Amino acid sequence: MIKKETAKILGILTVAYPRFDNFKGDKLELAVDLWTILLNDAPYNVVEIAVKKLILESPFPPVIADVRKKIAELTRHETITEMEAWAIVSNAIQGAIYNSTENFNKLPPLIQKLVGSPNQLRDWAIMDIESVQSVVQSNFMRSFKARQAKEEQNALLPETMRQMINGIAEQKKIGG
């Protein structure tokens, strides 16, 4: 979104909330700059829909975080539950004694991260089935739910901020 579009969004908010007149004088330019920076990765039409939906849902004007959450809600891909994710892993475990690499490569990327490696699939395949279906399942599902929540939180950040955070994380890995 560019500054001109951001100003239009702030205009919509000012019309929808007449008593909300924080965007005057110097504050208007600061607001336009901040909203532009924090929403620049979102297409104008998506931001406009999110803002209008928020206007219909609340008598109070939204803040940037509300708009980003609504954008994420509107654009979110269908996600799977931790039980559905476990079903995928459970299917991959079957036959993993001999085909662990092929089974691992068929897993979705998020599930691959949580499983770790083809060797882990093979290890689970040779374990006692009761242990796999209780302890391993429980640990996997807890990890999946936590990872999915983290992914959803990251999705709220503008792409430029995600890249900066990833850069900082990489520097920490390299620097020790």
N, C-alpha and C. Protein backbone atom coordinates (compact mmCIF):
# COMPACT_ATOMS: atom_id res chain seq x y z
N MET A 1 0.84 -1.17 0.00
CA MET A 1 0.00 0.00 0.00
C MET A 1 0.89 1.24 0.00
N ILE A 2 0.52 2.23 -0.76
CA ILE A 2 1.30 3.47 -0.84
C ILE A 2 0.64 4.55 0.02
N LYS A 3 1.35 5.66 0.22
CA LYS A 3 0.87 6.73 1.11
C LYS A 3 -0.51 7.25 0.72
N LYS A 4 -0.72 7.42 -0.56
CA LYS A 4 -2.00 7.95 -1.03
C LYS A 4 -3.15 7.02 -0.62
N GLU A 5 -2.92 5.73 -0.77
CA GLU A 5 -3.93 4.74 -0.39
C GLU A 5 -4.13 4.70 1.12
N THR A 6 -3.03 4.84 1.86
CA THR A 6 -3.12 4.86 3.32
C THR A 6 -3.94 6.05 3.79
N ALA A 7 -3.71 7.21 3.17
CA ALA A 7 -4.48 8.41 3.52
C ALA A 7 -5.97 8.16 3.28
N LYS A 8 -6.28 7.46 2.22
CA LYS A 8 -7.68 7.13 1.92
C LYS A 8 -8.27 6.23 3.01
N ILE A 9 -7.50 5.24 3.46
CA ILE A 9 -7.95 4.34 4.54
C ILE A 9 -8.20 5.14 5.81
N LEU A 10 -7.27 6.03 6.15
CA LEU A 10 -7.45 6.84 7.36
C LEU A 10 -8.66 7.77 7.20
N GLY A 11 -8.93 8.20 5.98
CA GLY A 11 -10.12 9.01 5.71
C GLY A 11 -11.39 8.21 5.95
N ILE A 12 -11.39 6.96 5.52
CA ILE A 12 -12.54 6.07 5.75
C ILE A 12 -12.78 5.92 7.25
N LEU A 13 -11.71 5.72 8.00
CA LEU A 13 -11.84 5.57 9.45
C LEU A 13 -12.37 6.85 10.11
N THR A 14 -11.92 7.99 9.64
CA THR A 14 -12.37 9.26 10.19
C THR A 14 -13.86 9.48 9.92
N VAL A 15 -14.31 9.09 8.74
CA VAL A 15 -15.74 9.23 8.40
C VAL A 15 -16.57 8.25 9.22
N ALA A 16 -16.08 7.02 9.37
CA ALA A 16 -16.82 5.99 10.09
C ALA A 16 -16.89 6.26 11.60
N TYR A 17 -15.88 6.92 12.11
CA TYR A 17 -15.81 7.23 13.55
C TYR A 17 -15.64 8.74 13.72
N PRO A 18 -16.72 9.51 13.61
CA PRO A 18 -16.63 10.97 13.62
C PRO A 18 -15.96 11.56 14.87
N ARG A 19 -16.10 10.89 15.99
CA ARG A 19 -15.47 11.41 17.22
C ARG A 19 -14.00 11.04 17.28
N PHE A 20 -13.56 10.24 16.37
CA PHE A 20 -12.17 9.81 16.31
C PHE A 20 -11.41 10.78 15.41
N ASP A 21 -10.87 11.82 16.02
CA ASP A 21 -10.20 12.85 15.21
C ASP A 21 -8.72 12.98 15.57
N ASN A 22 -8.09 11.85 15.84
CA ASN A 22 -6.66 11.87 16.17
C ASN A 22 -5.77 12.21 14.98
N PHE A 23 -6.32 12.11 13.77
CA PHE A 23 -5.50 12.32 12.59
C PHE A 23 -5.63 13.75 12.08
N LYS A 24 -5.11 14.69 12.86
CA LYS A 24 -5.15 16.09 12.45
C LYS A 24 -3.74 16.68 12.50
N GLY A 25 -3.48 17.63 11.63
CA GLY A 25 -2.20 18.35 11.63
C GLY A 25 -1.01 17.44 11.45
N ASP A 26 -0.01 17.65 12.31
CA ASP A 26 1.22 16.86 12.24
C ASP A 26 0.97 15.38 12.48
N LYS A 27 -0.04 15.08 13.31
CA LYS A 27 -0.35 13.69 13.60
C LYS A 27 -0.82 12.95 12.35
N LEU A 28 -1.47 13.65 11.45
CA LEU A 28 -1.95 13.02 10.22
C LEU A 28 -0.78 12.49 9.41
N GLU A 29 0.24 13.29 9.23
CA GLU A 29 1.39 12.86 8.43
C GLU A 29 2.12 11.70 9.12
N LEU A 30 2.27 11.79 10.44
CA LEU A 30 2.91 10.69 11.18
C LEU A 30 2.08 9.41 11.07
N ALA A 31 0.77 9.55 11.19
CA ALA A 31 -0.12 8.39 11.09
C ALA A 31 -0.04 7.76 9.70
N VAL A 32 -0.08 8.58 8.67
CA VAL A 32 0.01 8.07 7.29
C VAL A 32 1.34 7.33 7.10
N ASP A 33 2.43 7.92 7.59
CA ASP A 33 3.74 7.27 7.46
C ASP A 33 3.77 5.92 8.19
N LEU A 34 3.30 5.91 9.43
CA LEU A 34 3.34 4.68 10.21
C LEU A 34 2.44 3.61 9.62
N TRP A 35 1.21 3.96 9.29
CA TRP A 35 0.28 2.99 8.71
C TRP A 35 0.82 2.47 7.37
N THR A 36 1.45 3.34 6.59
CA THR A 36 2.03 2.91 5.31
C THR A 36 3.15 1.90 5.53
N ILE A 37 4.03 2.19 6.47
CA ILE A 37 5.16 1.30 6.74
C ILE A 37 4.66 -0.07 7.21
N LEU A 38 3.67 -0.06 8.10
CA LEU A 38 3.23 -1.32 8.71
C LEU A 38 2.19 -2.08 7.88
N LEU A 39 1.69 -1.45 6.82
CA LEU A 39 0.73 -2.13 5.95
C LEU A 39 1.20 -2.17 4.49
N ASN A 40 2.45 -1.81 4.25
CA ASN A 40 2.93 -1.68 2.86
C ASN A 40 2.96 -2.98 2.07
N ASP A 41 2.94 -4.12 2.77
CA ASP A 41 2.97 -5.40 2.06
C ASP A 41 1.58 -5.91 1.72
N ALA A 42 0.55 -5.18 2.15
CA ALA A 42 -0.82 -5.61 1.89
C ALA A 42 -1.41 -4.81 0.73
N PRO A 43 -2.10 -5.47 -0.17
CA PRO A 43 -2.74 -4.75 -1.27
C PRO A 43 -3.85 -3.84 -0.73
N TYR A 44 -4.02 -2.69 -1.37
CA TYR A 44 -5.00 -1.71 -0.91
C TYR A 44 -6.39 -2.33 -0.78
N ASN A 45 -6.82 -3.09 -1.77
CA ASN A 45 -8.19 -3.62 -1.73
C ASN A 45 -8.40 -4.55 -0.53
N VAL A 46 -7.37 -5.30 -0.12
CA VAL A 46 -7.48 -6.18 1.03
C VAL A 46 -7.56 -5.36 2.31
N VAL A 47 -6.74 -4.30 2.40
CA VAL A 47 -6.78 -3.43 3.58
C VAL A 47 -8.14 -2.76 3.68
N GLU A 48 -8.65 -2.29 2.56
CA GLU A 48 -9.96 -1.62 2.56
C GLU A 48 -11.06 -2.56 3.04
N ILE A 49 -11.06 -3.79 2.56
CA ILE A 49 -12.06 -4.77 2.99
C ILE A 49 -11.90 -5.05 4.49
N ALA A 50 -10.67 -5.23 4.94
CA ALA A 50 -10.42 -5.50 6.36
C ALA A 50 -10.93 -4.35 7.23
N VAL A 51 -10.63 -3.12 6.82
CA VAL A 51 -11.06 -1.95 7.59
C VAL A 51 -12.59 -1.85 7.61
N LYS A 52 -13.21 -2.04 6.49
CA LYS A 52 -14.68 -1.95 6.43
C LYS A 52 -15.33 -3.06 7.26
N LYS A 53 -14.74 -4.23 7.26
CA LYS A 53 -15.26 -5.32 8.07
C LYS A 53 -15.12 -4.96 9.56
N LEU A 54 -13.99 -4.39 9.93
CA LEU A 54 -13.78 -3.97 11.32
C LEU A 54 -14.76 -2.87 11.73
N ILE A 55 -15.06 -1.98 10.81
CA ILE A 55 -16.03 -0.91 11.08
C ILE A 55 -17.40 -1.52 11.39
N LEU A 56 -17.77 -2.54 10.64
CA LEU A 56 -19.06 -3.19 10.86
C LEU A 56 -19.10 -4.00 12.15
N GLU A 57 -17.95 -4.43 12.62
CA GLU A 57 -17.89 -5.30 13.78
C GLU A 57 -17.72 -4.57 15.11
N SER A 58 -17.25 -3.34 15.08
CA SER A 58 -16.93 -2.67 16.34
C SER A 58 -17.27 -1.18 16.31
N PRO A 59 -17.78 -0.68 17.43
CA PRO A 59 -18.04 0.76 17.51
C PRO A 59 -16.76 1.57 17.78
N PHE A 60 -15.64 0.88 17.97
CA PHE A 60 -14.38 1.54 18.26
C PHE A 60 -13.44 1.46 17.06
N PRO A 61 -12.71 2.52 16.79
CA PRO A 61 -11.79 2.51 15.64
C PRO A 61 -10.68 1.49 15.83
N PRO A 62 -10.32 0.79 14.77
CA PRO A 62 -9.26 -0.21 14.88
C PRO A 62 -7.88 0.43 14.91
N VAL A 63 -6.96 -0.28 15.52
CA VAL A 63 -5.55 0.10 15.46
C VAL A 63 -4.89 -0.77 14.39
N ILE A 64 -3.65 -0.50 14.10
CA ILE A 64 -2.95 -1.24 13.04
C ILE A 64 -2.96 -2.74 13.32
N ALA A 65 -2.78 -3.14 14.57
CA ALA A 65 -2.77 -4.57 14.90
C ALA A 65 -4.10 -5.22 14.55
N ASP A 66 -5.21 -4.50 14.79
CA ASP A 66 -6.53 -5.04 14.44
C ASP A 66 -6.63 -5.25 12.92
N VAL A 67 -6.13 -4.29 12.18
CA VAL A 67 -6.20 -4.38 10.71
C VAL A 67 -5.35 -5.54 10.21
N ARG A 68 -4.14 -5.69 10.76
CA ARG A 68 -3.27 -6.80 10.33
C ARG A 68 -3.91 -8.15 10.67
N LYS A 69 -4.52 -8.26 11.85
CA LYS A 69 -5.18 -9.51 12.23
C LYS A 69 -6.33 -9.81 11.27
N LYS A 70 -7.09 -8.79 10.93
CA LYS A 70 -8.22 -9.00 10.02
C LYS A 70 -7.72 -9.38 8.64
N ILE A 71 -6.63 -8.76 8.18
CA ILE A 71 -6.04 -9.12 6.89
C ILE A 71 -5.61 -10.59 6.91
N ALA A 72 -4.95 -11.00 8.01
CA ALA A 72 -4.50 -12.39 8.13
C ALA A 72 -5.70 -13.33 8.11
N GLU A 73 -6.76 -12.94 8.79
CA GLU A 73 -7.98 -13.76 8.82
C GLU A 73 -8.60 -13.89 7.43
N LEU A 74 -8.62 -12.79 6.70
CA LEU A 74 -9.22 -12.79 5.37
C LEU A 74 -8.39 -13.56 4.34
N THR A 75 -7.08 -13.57 4.52
CA THR A 75 -6.20 -14.16 3.51
C THR A 75 -5.60 -15.50 3.94
N ARG A 76 -5.96 -15.96 5.13
CA ARG A 76 -5.39 -17.19 5.67
C ARG A 76 -5.80 -18.39 4.81
N HIS A 77 -4.80 -19.20 4.54
CA HIS A 77 -5.07 -20.46 3.85
C HIS A 77 -5.66 -21.42 4.88
N GLU A 78 -6.43 -22.36 4.39
CA GLU A 78 -7.02 -23.32 5.30
C GLU A 78 -5.90 -24.09 5.99
N THR A 79 -5.98 -24.18 7.29
CA THR A 79 -4.96 -24.89 8.05
C THR A 79 -5.52 -26.22 8.53
N ILE A 80 -4.61 -27.10 8.85
CA ILE A 80 -5.04 -28.41 9.36
C ILE A 80 -4.90 -28.42 10.88
N THR A 81 -5.65 -29.29 11.52
CA THR A 81 -5.58 -29.44 12.97
C THR A 81 -4.38 -30.31 13.31
N GLU A 82 -4.04 -30.31 14.59
CA GLU A 82 -2.92 -31.15 15.01
C GLU A 82 -3.25 -32.64 14.84
N MET A 83 -4.52 -33.00 14.95
CA MET A 83 -4.91 -34.40 14.74
C MET A 83 -4.76 -34.79 13.27
N GLU A 84 -5.13 -33.88 12.37
CA GLU A 84 -4.95 -34.15 10.94
C GLU A 84 -3.47 -34.25 10.59
N ALA A 85 -2.65 -33.41 11.21
CA ALA A 85 -1.21 -33.45 10.98
C ALA A 85 -0.64 -34.77 11.47
N TRP A 86 -1.12 -35.22 12.65
CA TRP A 86 -0.64 -36.50 13.16
C TRP A 86 -1.04 -37.64 12.23
N ALA A 87 -2.23 -37.59 11.66
CA ALA A 87 -2.66 -38.63 10.73
C ALA A 87 -1.71 -38.71 9.54
N ILE A 88 -1.24 -37.57 9.08
CA ILE A 88 -0.27 -37.53 7.97
C ILE A 88 1.04 -38.20 8.39
N VAL A 89 1.50 -37.87 9.60
CA VAL A 89 2.74 -38.46 10.11
C VAL A 89 2.57 -39.96 10.32
N SER A 90 1.44 -40.34 10.90
CA SER A 90 1.17 -41.75 11.16
C SER A 90 1.19 -42.56 9.87
N ASN A 91 0.63 -42.01 8.81
CA ASN A 91 0.68 -42.69 7.50
C ASN A 91 2.11 -42.78 6.98
N ALA A 92 2.90 -41.74 7.23
CA ALA A 92 4.29 -41.74 6.77
C ALA A 92 5.12 -42.76 7.55
N ILE A 93 4.76 -42.98 8.81
CA ILE A 93 5.49 -43.94 9.63
C ILE A 93 5.32 -45.36 9.08
N GLN A 94 4.13 -45.64 8.59
CA GLN A 94 3.88 -46.97 8.02
C GLN A 94 4.76 -47.16 6.79
N GLY A 95 5.54 -48.16 6.82
CA GLY A 95 6.45 -48.44 5.71
C GLY A 95 7.73 -47.64 5.76
N ALA A 96 7.94 -46.88 6.83
CA ALA A 96 9.13 -46.02 6.91
C ALA A 96 10.41 -46.80 7.22
N ILE A 97 10.26 -48.06 7.61
CA ILE A 97 11.48 -48.86 7.86
C ILE A 97 12.29 -48.95 6.57
N TYR A 98 11.59 -49.11 5.45
CA TYR A 98 12.28 -49.26 4.16
C TYR A 98 12.19 -48.03 3.27
N ASN A 99 11.20 -47.18 3.50
CA ASN A 99 10.98 -46.03 2.61
C ASN A 99 10.94 -44.70 3.39
N SER A 100 11.77 -44.58 4.38
CA SER A 100 11.70 -43.39 5.23
C SER A 100 11.99 -42.09 4.46
N THR A 101 12.94 -42.11 3.56
CA THR A 101 13.27 -40.91 2.81
C THR A 101 12.13 -40.49 1.90
N GLU A 102 11.58 -41.45 1.17
CA GLU A 102 10.46 -41.13 0.26
C GLU A 102 9.25 -40.63 1.06
N ASN A 103 8.95 -41.31 2.17
CA ASN A 103 7.81 -40.90 3.00
C ASN A 103 8.03 -39.51 3.60
N PHE A 104 9.26 -39.25 4.04
CA PHE A 104 9.59 -37.94 4.61
C PHE A 104 9.45 -36.84 3.56
N ASN A 105 9.93 -37.10 2.35
CA ASN A 105 9.87 -36.10 1.29
C ASN A 105 8.43 -35.76 0.86
N LYS A 106 7.49 -36.65 1.13
CA LYS A 106 6.09 -36.41 0.78
C LYS A 106 5.37 -35.55 1.82
N LEU A 107 5.98 -35.38 2.98
CA LEU A 107 5.36 -34.60 4.05
C LEU A 107 5.35 -33.11 3.72
N PRO A 108 4.32 -32.37 4.16
CA PRO A 108 4.33 -30.91 3.99
C PRO A 108 5.52 -30.30 4.75
N PRO A 109 6.03 -29.16 4.29
CA PRO A 109 7.23 -28.56 4.90
C PRO A 109 7.15 -28.35 6.42
N LEU A 110 6.02 -27.88 6.93
CA LEU A 110 5.91 -27.66 8.37
C LEU A 110 6.04 -28.97 9.13
N ILE A 111 5.42 -30.00 8.62
CA ILE A 111 5.49 -31.31 9.28
C ILE A 111 6.90 -31.88 9.17
N GLN A 112 7.57 -31.64 8.03
CA GLN A 112 8.96 -32.09 7.90
C GLN A 112 9.83 -31.44 8.98
N LYS A 113 9.62 -30.14 9.21
CA LYS A 113 10.41 -29.45 10.24
C LYS A 113 10.22 -30.10 11.60
N LEU A 114 8.98 -30.47 11.91
CA LEU A 114 8.69 -31.04 13.22
C LEU A 114 9.19 -32.48 13.35
N VAL A 115 9.09 -33.24 12.28
CA VAL A 115 9.58 -34.63 12.31
C VAL A 115 11.10 -34.62 12.38
N GLY A 116 11.72 -33.75 11.61
CA GLY A 116 13.17 -33.58 11.67
C GLY A 116 13.94 -34.24 10.55
N SER A 117 13.73 -35.54 10.34
CA SER A 117 14.51 -36.24 9.32
C SER A 117 13.86 -37.58 8.98
N PRO A 118 14.27 -38.15 7.84
CA PRO A 118 13.79 -39.49 7.50
C PRO A 118 14.16 -40.52 8.57
N ASN A 119 15.33 -40.33 9.19
CA ASN A 119 15.75 -41.27 10.24
C ASN A 119 14.78 -41.28 11.41
N GLN A 120 14.19 -40.11 11.72
CA GLN A 120 13.23 -40.05 12.81
C GLN A 120 11.99 -40.88 12.46
N LEU A 121 11.54 -40.78 11.22
CA LEU A 121 10.41 -41.61 10.78
C LEU A 121 10.74 -43.10 10.94
N ARG A 122 11.94 -43.48 10.53
CA ARG A 122 12.36 -44.88 10.62
C ARG A 122 12.40 -45.31 12.09
N ASP A 123 12.93 -44.45 12.95
CA ASP A 123 12.99 -44.78 14.38
C ASP A 123 11.59 -44.99 14.95
N TRP A 124 10.66 -44.13 14.57
CA TRP A 124 9.28 -44.29 15.03
C TRP A 124 8.66 -45.58 14.48
N ALA A 125 9.02 -45.93 13.25
CA ALA A 125 8.46 -47.12 12.62
C ALA A 125 8.89 -48.40 13.34
N ILE A 126 10.07 -48.40 13.95
CA ILE A 126 10.53 -49.61 14.64
C ILE A 126 10.16 -49.61 16.13
N MET A 127 9.60 -48.51 16.61
CA MET A 127 9.17 -48.44 18.01
C MET A 127 7.89 -49.23 18.24
N ASP A 128 7.62 -49.49 19.49
CA ASP A 128 6.37 -50.11 19.91
C ASP A 128 5.21 -49.20 19.51
N ILE A 129 4.20 -49.76 18.85
CA ILE A 129 3.08 -48.98 18.31
C ILE A 129 2.35 -48.20 19.40
N GLU A 130 2.23 -48.77 20.60
CA GLU A 130 1.55 -48.06 21.69
C GLU A 130 2.31 -46.81 22.10
N SER A 131 3.62 -46.90 22.14
CA SER A 131 4.44 -45.73 22.48
C SER A 131 4.30 -44.64 21.42
N VAL A 132 4.31 -45.07 20.17
CA VAL A 132 4.18 -44.12 19.06
C VAL A 132 2.82 -43.43 19.12
N GLN A 133 1.76 -44.22 19.34
CA GLN A 133 0.41 -43.67 19.32
C GLN A 133 0.03 -42.94 20.61
N SER A 134 0.90 -42.94 21.59
CA SER A 134 0.60 -42.18 22.81
C SER A 134 1.65 -41.10 23.02
N VAL A 135 2.86 -41.48 23.36
CA VAL A 135 3.90 -40.51 23.71
C VAL A 135 4.33 -39.67 22.50
N VAL A 136 4.70 -40.33 21.42
CA VAL A 136 5.16 -39.60 20.23
C VAL A 136 4.04 -38.74 19.67
N GLN A 137 2.83 -39.31 19.59
CA GLN A 137 1.68 -38.56 19.09
C GLN A 137 1.43 -37.32 19.93
N SER A 138 1.42 -37.46 21.24
CA SER A 138 1.17 -36.33 22.14
C SER A 138 2.22 -35.24 21.97
N ASN A 139 3.49 -35.65 21.94
CA ASN A 139 4.58 -34.66 21.77
C ASN A 139 4.49 -33.97 20.41
N PHE A 140 4.22 -34.75 19.37
CA PHE A 140 4.13 -34.16 18.03
C PHE A 140 2.98 -33.16 17.97
N MET A 141 1.81 -33.56 18.47
CA MET A 141 0.64 -32.68 18.39
C MET A 141 0.86 -31.39 19.18
N ARG A 142 1.50 -31.47 20.33
CA ARG A 142 1.81 -30.27 21.12
C ARG A 142 2.77 -29.37 20.34
N SER A 143 3.79 -29.96 19.76
CA SER A 143 4.76 -29.19 18.97
C SER A 143 4.11 -28.56 17.74
N PHE A 144 3.23 -29.33 17.09
CA PHE A 144 2.55 -28.83 15.89
C PHE A 144 1.69 -27.62 16.24
N LYS A 145 0.93 -27.72 17.32
CA LYS A 145 0.05 -26.63 17.73
C LYS A 145 0.86 -25.37 18.07
N ALA A 146 1.97 -25.55 18.78
CA ALA A 146 2.82 -24.41 19.13
C ALA A 146 3.45 -23.79 17.89
N ARG A 147 3.92 -24.63 16.97
CA ARG A 147 4.56 -24.13 15.75
C ARG A 147 3.54 -23.40 14.87
N GLN A 148 2.32 -23.94 14.80
CA GLN A 148 1.28 -23.31 14.01
C GLN A 148 0.92 -21.93 14.59
N ALA A 149 0.86 -21.83 15.92
CA ALA A 149 0.58 -20.55 16.57
C ALA A 149 1.69 -19.54 16.26
N LYS A 150 2.93 -20.02 16.27
CA LYS A 150 4.07 -19.15 15.95
C LYS A 150 3.99 -18.68 14.50
N GLU A 151 3.64 -19.58 13.60
CA GLU A 151 3.50 -19.22 12.18
C GLU A 151 2.40 -18.17 12.00
N GLU A 152 1.29 -18.34 12.72
CA GLU A 152 0.20 -17.37 12.63
C GLU A 152 0.63 -16.00 13.15
N GLN A 153 1.40 -15.98 14.24
CA GLN A 153 1.91 -14.72 14.78
C GLN A 153 2.85 -14.06 13.78
N ASN A 154 3.72 -14.85 13.16
CA ASN A 154 4.65 -14.31 12.16
C ASN A 154 3.91 -13.76 10.95
N ALA A 155 2.79 -14.36 10.62
CA ALA A 155 2.01 -13.90 9.46
C ALA A 155 1.44 -12.50 9.70
N LEU A 156 1.33 -12.08 10.94
CA LEU A 156 0.81 -10.75 11.25
C LEU A 156 1.84 -9.65 10.98
N LEU A 157 3.10 -10.03 10.91
CA LEU A 157 4.17 -9.05 10.69
C LEU A 157 4.29 -8.70 9.21
N PRO A 158 4.62 -7.45 8.93
CA PRO A 158 4.93 -7.11 7.53
C PRO A 158 6.15 -7.91 7.05
N GLU A 159 6.19 -8.20 5.77
CA GLU A 159 7.27 -9.02 5.20
C GLU A 159 8.65 -8.43 5.51
N THR A 160 8.78 -7.11 5.45
CA THR A 160 10.09 -6.49 5.72
C THR A 160 10.53 -6.76 7.16
N MET A 161 9.59 -6.74 8.10
CA MET A 161 9.94 -7.02 9.49
C MET A 161 10.32 -8.49 9.68
N ARG A 162 9.61 -9.39 8.99
CA ARG A 162 9.96 -10.81 9.07
C ARG A 162 11.39 -11.04 8.58
N GLN A 163 11.73 -10.38 7.47
CA GLN A 163 13.08 -10.52 6.93
C GLN A 163 14.13 -9.99 7.90
N MET A 164 13.83 -8.85 8.53
CA MET A 164 14.77 -8.28 9.50
C MET A 164 14.95 -9.22 10.68
N ILE A 165 13.86 -9.79 11.19
CA ILE A 165 13.93 -10.72 12.32
C ILE A 165 14.71 -11.96 11.94
N ASN A 166 14.46 -12.49 10.74
CA ASN A 166 15.21 -13.67 10.28
C ASN A 166 16.70 -13.35 10.15
N GLY A 167 17.01 -12.14 9.69
CA GLY A 167 18.41 -11.71 9.58
C GLY A 167 19.08 -11.64 10.94
N ILE A 168 18.38 -11.12 11.92
CA ILE A 168 18.91 -11.05 13.29
C ILE A 168 19.13 -12.46 13.83
N ALA A 169 18.17 -13.35 13.60
CA ALA A 169 18.29 -14.72 14.07
C ALA A 169 19.49 -15.42 13.41
N GLU A 170 19.69 -15.18 12.12
CA GLU A 170 20.83 -15.78 11.42
C GLU A 170 22.15 -15.26 11.98
N GLN A 171 22.20 -13.96 12.28
CA GLN A 171 23.42 -13.37 12.85
C GLN A 171 23.73 -14.00 14.20
N LYS A 172 22.70 -14.26 15.00
CA LYS A 172 22.90 -14.88 16.29
C LYS A 172 23.46 -16.30 16.14
N LYS A 173 22.95 -17.03 15.13
CA LYS A 173 23.44 -18.39 14.88
C LYS A 173 24.91 -18.35 14.49
N ILE A 174 25.27 -17.41 13.63
CA ILE A 174 26.66 -17.31 13.14
C ILE A 174 27.58 -16.79 14.24
N GLY A 175 27.10 -15.76 14.95
CA GLY A 175 27.94 -15.12 15.97
C GLY A 175 28.07 -15.91 17.24
N GLY A 176 27.21 -16.84 17.48
CA GLY A 176 27.35 -17.68 18.66
C GLY A 176 26.33 -17.35 19.64
